[in-house]
């Protein structure tokens, strides 16, 4: 049993919810757009654009243009 009044529990829950929403919004609106400008990510996004790939529309394994990448990633690695 909680000894805190219900209003205090509700206020704490609202503060937590607002904090999570604020962190999520900051990541979505500030961090991800900056990450898209990072050269390796920008090159990858350009490659997807060049191949007319909409990453939100399908799984990467369904995209014909990404077969070489999937083969490279799934190839057995040689010992150095």
C-alpha atoms as a PDB file:
ATOM      1  CA  UNK A   1       0.000   0.000   0.000  1.00  0.00           C
ATOM      2  CA  UNK A   2       1.275   3.405  -0.910  1.00  0.00           C
ATOM      3  CA  UNK A   3       1.304   6.040   1.799  1.00  0.00           C
ATOM      4  CA  UNK A   4       1.397   8.902  -0.713  1.00  0.00           C
ATOM      5  CA  UNK A   5      -1.836  10.600  -1.675  1.00  0.00           C
ATOM      6  CA  UNK A   6      -3.300   9.645  -5.065  1.00  0.00           C
ATOM      7  CA  UNK A   7      -2.760  13.190  -6.387  1.00  0.00           C
ATOM      8  CA  UNK A   8       0.978  12.915  -5.708  1.00  0.00           C
ATOM      9  CA  UNK A   9       1.177   9.553  -7.497  1.00  0.00           C
ATOM     10  CA  UNK A  10      -0.742  11.019 -10.436  1.00  0.00           C
ATOM     11  CA  UNK A  11       1.529  14.088 -10.542  1.00  0.00           C
ATOM     12  CA  UNK A  12       4.640  11.878 -10.508  1.00  0.00           C
ATOM     13  CA  UNK A  13       3.205   9.805 -13.348  1.00  0.00           C
ATOM     14  CA  UNK A  14       2.442  12.915 -15.399  1.00  0.00           C
ATOM     15  CA  UNK A  15       5.954  14.258 -14.811  1.00  0.00           C
ATOM     16  CA  UNK A  16       7.447  10.945 -15.952  1.00  0.00           C
ATOM     17  CA  UNK A  17       5.201  10.857 -19.016  1.00  0.00           C
ATOM     18  CA  UNK A  18       6.092  14.449 -19.916  1.00  0.00           C
ATOM     19  CA  UNK A  19       9.796  13.688 -19.439  1.00  0.00           C
ATOM     20  CA  UNK A  20       9.634  10.653 -21.709  1.00  0.00           C
ATOM     21  CA  UNK A  21       7.691  12.634 -24.332  1.00  0.00           C
ATOM     22  CA  UNK A  22      10.249  15.455 -24.156  1.00  0.00           C
ATOM     23  CA  UNK A  23      13.211  13.092 -24.544  1.00  0.00           C
ATOM     24  CA  UNK A  24      11.499  11.297 -27.438  1.00  0.00           C
ATOM     25  CA  UNK A  25      10.723  14.615 -29.159  1.00  0.00           C
ATOM     26  CA  UNK A  26      14.309  15.815 -28.677  1.00  0.00           C
ATOM     27  CA  UNK A  27      15.705  12.643 -30.223  1.00  0.00           C
ATOM     28  CA  UNK A  28      13.205  12.740 -33.108  1.00  0.00           C
ATOM     29  CA  UNK A  29      13.534  16.464 -33.865  1.00  0.00           C
ATOM     30  CA  UNK A  30      17.166  17.188 -32.956  1.00  0.00           C
ATOM     31  CA  UNK A  31      19.324  14.059 -32.836  1.00  0.00           C
ATOM     32  CA  UNK A  32      18.014  12.100 -35.833  1.00  0.00           C
ATOM     33  CA  UNK A  33      18.163  15.017 -38.307  1.00  0.00           C
ATOM     34  CA  UNK A  34      21.750  15.738 -37.201  1.00  0.00           C
ATOM     35  CA  UNK A  35      22.612  12.056 -37.575  1.00  0.00           C
ATOM     36  CA  UNK A  36      21.293  12.151 -41.151  1.00  0.00           C
ATOM     37  CA  UNK A  37      23.933  14.812 -41.920  1.00  0.00           C
ATOM     38  CA  UNK A  38      26.779  12.559 -40.687  1.00  0.00           C
ATOM     39  CA  UNK A  39      28.733  11.617 -43.881  1.00  0.00           C
ATOM     40  CA  UNK A  40      28.361   7.804 -43.752  1.00  0.00           C
ATOM     41  CA  UNK A  41      24.655   8.073 -42.973  1.00  0.00           C
ATOM     42  CA  UNK A  42      24.166  10.771 -45.630  1.00  0.00           C
ATOM     43  CA  UNK A  43      25.872   8.519 -48.212  1.00  0.00           C
ATOM     44  CA  UNK A  44      23.618   5.617 -47.223  1.00  0.00           C
ATOM     45  CA  UNK A  45      20.497   7.771 -47.467  1.00  0.00           C
ATOM     46  CA  UNK A  46      21.616   9.045 -50.885  1.00  0.00           C
ATOM     47  CA  UNK A  47      22.168   5.463 -52.050  1.00  0.00           C
ATOM     48  CA  UNK A  48      18.664   4.539 -50.943  1.00  0.00           C
ATOM     49  CA  UNK A  49      17.303   7.580 -52.784  1.00  0.00           C
ATOM     50  CA  UNK A  50      19.290   6.745 -55.918  1.00  0.00           C
ATOM     51  CA  UNK A  51      17.822   3.237 -55.936  1.00  0.00           C
ATOM     52  CA  UNK A  52      14.341   4.597 -55.181  1.00  0.00           C
ATOM     53  CA  UNK A  53      14.149   2.643 -51.935  1.00  0.00           C
ATOM     54  CA  UNK A  54      11.601   3.789 -49.379  1.00  0.00           C
ATOM     55  CA  UNK A  55      12.870   2.203 -46.153  1.00  0.00           C
ATOM     56  CA  UNK A  56       9.527   2.748 -44.460  1.00  0.00           C
ATOM     57  CA  UNK A  57       7.687   0.770 -47.121  1.00  0.00           C
ATOM     58  CA  UNK A  58       9.307  -2.662 -46.876  1.00  0.00           C
ATOM     59  CA  UNK A  59      11.888  -4.824 -45.200  1.00  0.00           C
ATOM     60  CA  UNK A  60      15.431  -4.410 -46.488  1.00  0.00           C
ATOM     61  CA  UNK A  61      15.578  -8.072 -47.452  1.00  0.00           C
ATOM     62  CA  UNK A  62      12.800  -7.425 -49.995  1.00  0.00           C
ATOM     63  CA  UNK A  63      14.764  -4.749 -51.865  1.00  0.00           C
ATOM     64  CA  UNK A  64      16.546  -6.024 -54.975  1.00  0.00           C
ATOM     65  CA  UNK A  65      19.090  -3.172 -54.969  1.00  0.00           C
ATOM     66  CA  UNK A  66      20.377  -4.206 -51.529  1.00  0.00           C
ATOM     67  CA  UNK A  67      21.210  -7.814 -52.437  1.00  0.00           C
ATOM     68  CA  UNK A  68      24.982  -7.124 -52.731  1.00  0.00           C
ATOM     69  CA  UNK A  69      24.971  -5.556 -49.279  1.00  0.00           C
ATOM     70  CA  UNK A  70      23.066  -8.475 -47.776  1.00  0.00           C
ATOM     71  CA  UNK A  71      25.419 -10.969 -49.447  1.00  0.00           C
ATOM     72  CA  UNK A  72      28.437  -9.078 -48.086  1.00  0.00           C
ATOM     73  CA  UNK A  73      26.960  -8.989 -44.584  1.00  0.00           C
ATOM     74  CA  UNK A  74      26.000 -12.666 -44.644  1.00  0.00           C
ATOM     75  CA  UNK A  75      29.263 -13.924 -46.188  1.00  0.00           C
ATOM     76  CA  UNK A  76      31.509 -15.979 -43.928  1.00  0.00           C
ATOM     77  CA  UNK A  77      34.351 -13.894 -42.568  1.00  0.00           C
ATOM     78  CA  UNK A  78      37.925 -14.871 -43.224  1.00  0.00           C
ATOM     79  CA  UNK A  79      40.411 -14.946 -40.369  1.00  0.00           C
ATOM     80  CA  UNK A  80      42.856 -12.006 -40.466  1.00  0.00           C
END
